[in-house]
Amino acid sequence: MKKVFYLKTCDTCLKILKKYNLKDWELREIKINPITTEELEEMYKLAGSYEALFSKKSNQIKLREIDPKTLQEEDYKELILDHYTFLKRPVFMTDKEIFIGSEKKTVEALRGFFAD
């Protein structure tokens, strides 16, 4: 399995995706084709927590008046499934590895993954 979850309106996602040959990857635009519970559970197994998959920059946090400090693992899961902007992106996922978000260390790890 090789999947990338991204938003086509996210310039950062598109910039990262353009760097790699993704012809063997399933590209999932999460606004049009939201992630499933099963996919989120697969991500969880690789990431170790739902919080690691949760975007604390989502505009929905302010709109819904959510205090991220009060959230538990189950809350993160429900929110990610409820609205696509709660998923930190892009997410590159294989059977054994996951790369979440656009932080420098993640992008460097992804570069190393594609260099192998």
N, C-alpha and C. Protein backbone atom coordinates (compact mmCIF):
# COMPACT_ATOMS: atom_id res chain seq x y z
N MET A 1 0.84 -1.18 0.00
CA MET A 1 0.00 0.00 0.00
C MET A 1 0.88 1.24 0.00
N LYS A 2 0.54 2.17 -0.86
CA LYS A 2 1.20 3.47 -0.91
C LYS A 2 0.12 4.51 -1.16
N LYS A 3 -0.13 5.34 -0.14
CA LYS A 3 -1.19 6.35 -0.26
C LYS A 3 -0.67 7.70 0.21
N VAL A 4 -1.17 8.74 -0.45
CA VAL A 4 -0.91 10.11 -0.02
C VAL A 4 -2.26 10.79 0.19
N PHE A 5 -2.44 11.36 1.36
CA PHE A 5 -3.65 12.10 1.70
C PHE A 5 -3.27 13.58 1.71
N TYR A 6 -3.99 14.39 0.93
CA TYR A 6 -3.62 15.79 0.79
C TYR A 6 -4.85 16.63 0.45
N LEU A 7 -4.64 17.94 0.40
CA LEU A 7 -5.67 18.88 -0.06
C LEU A 7 -5.16 19.59 -1.29
N LYS A 8 -5.97 19.65 -2.34
CA LYS A 8 -5.51 20.31 -3.56
C LYS A 8 -5.46 21.83 -3.41
N THR A 9 -6.09 22.36 -2.38
CA THR A 9 -6.05 23.80 -2.13
C THR A 9 -4.91 24.19 -1.20
N CYS A 10 -4.13 23.22 -0.76
CA CYS A 10 -3.01 23.47 0.16
C CYS A 10 -1.72 23.57 -0.66
N ASP A 11 -1.18 24.77 -0.76
CA ASP A 11 0.04 24.98 -1.54
C ASP A 11 1.21 24.17 -0.99
N THR A 12 1.30 24.05 0.32
CA THR A 12 2.39 23.28 0.93
C THR A 12 2.30 21.81 0.52
N CYS A 13 1.09 21.26 0.56
CA CYS A 13 0.90 19.86 0.13
C CYS A 13 1.36 19.69 -1.32
N LEU A 14 0.89 20.57 -2.19
CA LEU A 14 1.21 20.46 -3.61
C LEU A 14 2.70 20.59 -3.87
N LYS A 15 3.35 21.49 -3.15
CA LYS A 15 4.79 21.68 -3.28
C LYS A 15 5.54 20.40 -2.91
N ILE A 16 5.12 19.76 -1.82
CA ILE A 16 5.77 18.51 -1.39
C ILE A 16 5.48 17.39 -2.39
N LEU A 17 4.24 17.26 -2.85
CA LEU A 17 3.89 16.20 -3.79
C LEU A 17 4.66 16.31 -5.09
N LYS A 18 4.91 17.54 -5.55
CA LYS A 18 5.61 17.75 -6.82
C LYS A 18 7.06 17.26 -6.79
N LYS A 19 7.62 17.11 -5.61
CA LYS A 19 9.02 16.72 -5.48
C LYS A 19 9.27 15.25 -5.80
N TYR A 20 8.22 14.44 -5.80
CA TYR A 20 8.42 12.98 -5.88
C TYR A 20 7.63 12.34 -7.02
N ASN A 21 8.17 11.21 -7.47
CA ASN A 21 7.48 10.41 -8.48
C ASN A 21 6.45 9.57 -7.74
N LEU A 22 5.19 9.90 -7.92
CA LEU A 22 4.11 9.23 -7.18
C LEU A 22 3.23 8.37 -8.09
N LYS A 23 3.80 7.91 -9.21
CA LYS A 23 2.98 7.16 -10.17
C LYS A 23 2.46 5.84 -9.58
N ASP A 24 3.16 5.27 -8.61
CA ASP A 24 2.72 4.02 -7.99
C ASP A 24 1.91 4.27 -6.71
N TRP A 25 1.60 5.52 -6.42
CA TRP A 25 0.90 5.89 -5.19
C TRP A 25 -0.54 6.24 -5.48
N GLU A 26 -1.40 5.90 -4.53
CA GLU A 26 -2.80 6.34 -4.60
C GLU A 26 -2.87 7.74 -3.99
N LEU A 27 -3.32 8.71 -4.78
CA LEU A 27 -3.44 10.08 -4.31
C LEU A 27 -4.88 10.33 -3.87
N ARG A 28 -5.06 10.75 -2.64
CA ARG A 28 -6.39 10.98 -2.09
C ARG A 28 -6.56 12.43 -1.69
N GLU A 29 -7.41 13.12 -2.39
CA GLU A 29 -7.76 14.50 -2.05
C GLU A 29 -8.84 14.40 -0.99
N ILE A 30 -8.52 14.77 0.24
CA ILE A 30 -9.39 14.44 1.38
C ILE A 30 -10.66 15.28 1.49
N LYS A 31 -10.73 16.39 0.78
CA LYS A 31 -11.98 17.16 0.81
C LYS A 31 -13.01 16.46 -0.08
N ILE A 32 -12.58 16.00 -1.23
CA ILE A 32 -13.46 15.32 -2.19
C ILE A 32 -13.75 13.88 -1.74
N ASN A 33 -12.71 13.22 -1.24
CA ASN A 33 -12.80 11.80 -0.89
C ASN A 33 -12.26 11.62 0.53
N PRO A 34 -13.08 11.90 1.54
CA PRO A 34 -12.63 11.86 2.94
C PRO A 34 -12.05 10.52 3.36
N ILE A 35 -11.19 10.58 4.37
CA ILE A 35 -10.60 9.34 4.88
C ILE A 35 -11.69 8.53 5.60
N THR A 36 -11.49 7.24 5.58
CA THR A 36 -12.44 6.34 6.23
C THR A 36 -11.95 6.01 7.64
N THR A 37 -12.82 5.45 8.44
CA THR A 37 -12.45 5.01 9.78
C THR A 37 -11.32 3.99 9.69
N GLU A 38 -11.40 3.08 8.73
CA GLU A 38 -10.38 2.05 8.57
C GLU A 38 -9.03 2.67 8.22
N GLU A 39 -9.03 3.65 7.32
CA GLU A 39 -7.78 4.31 6.96
C GLU A 39 -7.18 5.06 8.15
N LEU A 40 -8.04 5.72 8.91
CA LEU A 40 -7.55 6.45 10.08
C LEU A 40 -6.95 5.47 11.09
N GLU A 41 -7.56 4.31 11.24
CA GLU A 41 -7.02 3.30 12.16
C GLU A 41 -5.67 2.76 11.67
N GLU A 42 -5.51 2.63 10.35
CA GLU A 42 -4.22 2.23 9.78
C GLU A 42 -3.17 3.29 10.09
N MET A 43 -3.55 4.56 9.93
CA MET A 43 -2.64 5.66 10.24
C MET A 43 -2.25 5.64 11.71
N TYR A 44 -3.24 5.40 12.56
CA TYR A 44 -3.03 5.35 14.01
C TYR A 44 -2.00 4.28 14.38
N LYS A 45 -2.12 3.10 13.76
CA LYS A 45 -1.19 2.01 14.06
C LYS A 45 0.25 2.40 13.76
N LEU A 46 0.44 3.17 12.68
CA LEU A 46 1.78 3.59 12.29
C LEU A 46 2.26 4.81 13.07
N ALA A 47 1.34 5.70 13.39
CA ALA A 47 1.69 6.95 14.05
C ALA A 47 1.79 6.81 15.57
N GLY A 48 1.02 5.88 16.13
CA GLY A 48 1.05 5.67 17.57
C GLY A 48 0.05 6.48 18.36
N SER A 49 -0.56 7.48 17.72
CA SER A 49 -1.59 8.27 18.40
C SER A 49 -2.41 9.04 17.37
N TYR A 50 -3.62 9.38 17.77
CA TYR A 50 -4.45 10.23 16.91
C TYR A 50 -3.98 11.68 17.00
N GLU A 51 -3.42 12.03 18.15
CA GLU A 51 -2.93 13.41 18.32
C GLU A 51 -1.83 13.73 17.29
N ALA A 52 -0.99 12.76 16.97
CA ALA A 52 0.07 12.96 15.98
C ALA A 52 -0.50 13.26 14.60
N LEU A 53 -1.72 12.82 14.35
CA LEU A 53 -2.37 13.03 13.06
C LEU A 53 -3.23 14.29 13.03
N PHE A 54 -3.37 14.92 14.18
CA PHE A 54 -4.31 16.04 14.34
C PHE A 54 -3.62 17.38 14.04
N SER A 55 -4.27 18.19 13.21
CA SER A 55 -3.75 19.51 12.89
C SER A 55 -4.29 20.54 13.88
N LYS A 56 -3.39 21.05 14.68
CA LYS A 56 -3.78 22.08 15.64
C LYS A 56 -3.88 23.45 14.98
N LYS A 57 -3.63 23.50 13.66
CA LYS A 57 -3.75 24.73 12.89
C LYS A 57 -5.09 24.82 12.15
N SER A 58 -5.92 23.82 12.29
CA SER A 58 -7.21 23.80 11.59
C SER A 58 -8.05 25.01 11.97
N ASN A 59 -8.62 25.64 10.95
CA ASN A 59 -9.51 26.79 11.21
C ASN A 59 -10.76 26.38 11.99
N GLN A 60 -11.07 25.11 11.99
CA GLN A 60 -12.24 24.60 12.70
C GLN A 60 -12.09 24.70 14.22
N ILE A 61 -10.88 24.73 14.71
CA ILE A 61 -10.64 24.82 16.15
C ILE A 61 -11.25 26.12 16.68
N LYS A 62 -10.94 27.21 16.00
CA LYS A 62 -11.47 28.51 16.43
C LYS A 62 -12.98 28.59 16.18
N LEU A 63 -13.41 28.12 15.02
CA LEU A 63 -14.84 28.17 14.68
C LEU A 63 -15.70 27.39 15.67
N ARG A 64 -15.18 26.27 16.13
CA ARG A 64 -15.95 25.43 17.06
C ARG A 64 -15.62 25.71 18.53
N GLU A 65 -14.73 26.67 18.72
CA GLU A 65 -14.32 27.06 20.07
C GLU A 65 -13.79 25.85 20.86
N ILE A 66 -12.89 25.12 20.22
CA ILE A 66 -12.29 23.94 20.83
C ILE A 66 -11.00 24.35 21.54
N ASP A 67 -10.81 23.85 22.75
CA ASP A 67 -9.56 24.04 23.46
C ASP A 67 -8.74 22.76 23.27
N PRO A 68 -7.72 22.79 22.41
CA PRO A 68 -6.95 21.58 22.13
C PRO A 68 -6.34 20.94 23.38
N LYS A 69 -6.10 21.70 24.41
CA LYS A 69 -5.50 21.16 25.64
C LYS A 69 -6.44 20.19 26.36
N THR A 70 -7.73 20.28 26.07
CA THR A 70 -8.70 19.43 26.76
C THR A 70 -9.00 18.14 25.99
N LEU A 71 -8.44 17.99 24.79
CA LEU A 71 -8.78 16.85 23.94
C LEU A 71 -8.08 15.57 24.38
N GLN A 72 -8.80 14.46 24.26
CA GLN A 72 -8.28 13.12 24.52
C GLN A 72 -8.13 12.40 23.18
N GLU A 73 -7.50 11.23 23.19
CA GLU A 73 -7.29 10.47 21.95
C GLU A 73 -8.59 10.25 21.17
N GLU A 74 -9.65 9.86 21.85
CA GLU A 74 -10.92 9.61 21.17
C GLU A 74 -11.48 10.88 20.53
N ASP A 75 -11.25 12.04 21.18
CA ASP A 75 -11.69 13.32 20.63
C ASP A 75 -10.96 13.62 19.32
N TYR A 76 -9.64 13.39 19.32
CA TYR A 76 -8.86 13.62 18.10
C TYR A 76 -9.41 12.76 16.96
N LYS A 77 -9.66 11.50 17.26
CA LYS A 77 -10.17 10.57 16.25
C LYS A 77 -11.50 11.06 15.68
N GLU A 78 -12.43 11.40 16.56
CA GLU A 78 -13.75 11.85 16.12
C GLU A 78 -13.67 13.13 15.29
N LEU A 79 -12.83 14.06 15.71
CA LEU A 79 -12.70 15.32 14.98
C LEU A 79 -12.09 15.11 13.60
N ILE A 80 -11.07 14.27 13.51
CA ILE A 80 -10.44 14.00 12.21
C ILE A 80 -11.46 13.37 11.26
N LEU A 81 -12.27 12.46 11.75
CA LEU A 81 -13.28 11.83 10.91
C LEU A 81 -14.42 12.80 10.57
N ASP A 82 -14.65 13.76 11.45
CA ASP A 82 -15.75 14.71 11.26
C ASP A 82 -15.44 15.78 10.21
N HIS A 83 -14.20 16.25 10.14
CA HIS A 83 -13.88 17.34 9.21
C HIS A 83 -12.45 17.19 8.70
N TYR A 84 -12.30 17.24 7.39
CA TYR A 84 -11.02 16.98 6.74
C TYR A 84 -9.89 17.91 7.20
N THR A 85 -10.19 19.13 7.62
CA THR A 85 -9.11 20.05 8.00
C THR A 85 -8.43 19.66 9.31
N PHE A 86 -9.01 18.73 10.05
CA PHE A 86 -8.38 18.29 11.30
C PHE A 86 -7.23 17.31 11.06
N LEU A 87 -7.11 16.78 9.84
CA LEU A 87 -6.00 15.87 9.54
C LEU A 87 -4.77 16.69 9.17
N LYS A 88 -3.68 16.46 9.88
CA LYS A 88 -2.41 17.12 9.54
C LYS A 88 -1.99 16.55 8.19
N ARG A 89 -1.54 17.40 7.30
CA ARG A 89 -1.25 16.94 5.95
C ARG A 89 -0.03 17.63 5.35
N PRO A 90 0.51 16.97 4.31
CA PRO A 90 0.08 15.71 3.71
C PRO A 90 0.47 14.51 4.58
N VAL A 91 -0.19 13.39 4.31
CA VAL A 91 0.16 12.14 4.99
C VAL A 91 0.57 11.15 3.90
N PHE A 92 1.83 10.71 3.97
CA PHE A 92 2.34 9.66 3.08
C PHE A 92 2.34 8.39 3.91
N MET A 93 1.68 7.34 3.41
CA MET A 93 1.54 6.11 4.19
C MET A 93 1.85 4.89 3.33
N THR A 94 2.69 4.02 3.89
CA THR A 94 2.93 2.71 3.27
C THR A 94 2.51 1.66 4.29
N ASP A 95 2.76 0.40 3.98
CA ASP A 95 2.42 -0.67 4.93
C ASP A 95 3.22 -0.56 6.23
N LYS A 96 4.41 0.05 6.15
CA LYS A 96 5.30 0.05 7.31
C LYS A 96 5.65 1.43 7.84
N GLU A 97 5.42 2.47 7.04
CA GLU A 97 5.87 3.81 7.44
C GLU A 97 4.79 4.84 7.20
N ILE A 98 4.91 5.94 7.97
CA ILE A 98 4.00 7.06 7.80
C ILE A 98 4.79 8.35 7.98
N PHE A 99 4.48 9.32 7.14
CA PHE A 99 5.08 10.64 7.21
C PHE A 99 3.92 11.63 7.30
N ILE A 100 3.87 12.37 8.40
CA ILE A 100 2.71 13.21 8.70
C ILE A 100 3.10 14.68 8.72
N GLY A 101 2.46 15.46 7.86
CA GLY A 101 2.62 16.90 7.92
C GLY A 101 3.78 17.44 7.10
N SER A 102 4.04 18.73 7.30
CA SER A 102 5.02 19.43 6.47
C SER A 102 6.16 20.04 7.29
N GLU A 103 6.32 19.56 8.53
CA GLU A 103 7.43 20.06 9.35
C GLU A 103 8.75 19.65 8.72
N LYS A 104 9.78 20.45 8.98
CA LYS A 104 11.08 20.24 8.35
C LYS A 104 11.60 18.82 8.54
N LYS A 105 11.53 18.29 9.76
CA LYS A 105 12.07 16.95 10.01
C LYS A 105 11.28 15.88 9.25
N THR A 106 9.98 16.09 9.08
CA THR A 106 9.15 15.14 8.32
C THR A 106 9.52 15.17 6.84
N VAL A 107 9.68 16.38 6.31
CA VAL A 107 10.04 16.53 4.90
C VAL A 107 11.42 15.93 4.63
N GLU A 108 12.35 16.10 5.56
CA GLU A 108 13.68 15.50 5.40
C GLU A 108 13.61 13.97 5.45
N ALA A 109 12.79 13.43 6.35
CA ALA A 109 12.62 11.98 6.44
C ALA A 109 11.99 11.44 5.16
N LEU A 110 11.05 12.17 4.62
CA LEU A 110 10.39 11.78 3.38
C LEU A 110 11.39 11.79 2.22
N ARG A 111 12.23 12.80 2.19
CA ARG A 111 13.26 12.88 1.15
C ARG A 111 14.17 11.66 1.24
N GLY A 112 14.53 11.27 2.46
CA GLY A 112 15.35 10.08 2.65
C GLY A 112 14.65 8.81 2.20
N PHE A 113 13.36 8.73 2.46
CA PHE A 113 12.55 7.58 2.06
C PHE A 113 12.57 7.42 0.55
N PHE A 114 12.36 8.53 -0.17
CA PHE A 114 12.32 8.46 -1.64
C PHE A 114 13.70 8.30 -2.25
N ALA A 115 14.76 8.63 -1.52
CA ALA A 115 16.11 8.49 -2.03
C ALA A 115 16.57 7.03 -2.03
N ASP A 116 15.97 6.22 -1.16
CA ASP A 116 16.37 4.80 -1.05
C ASP A 116 15.98 3.99 -2.25
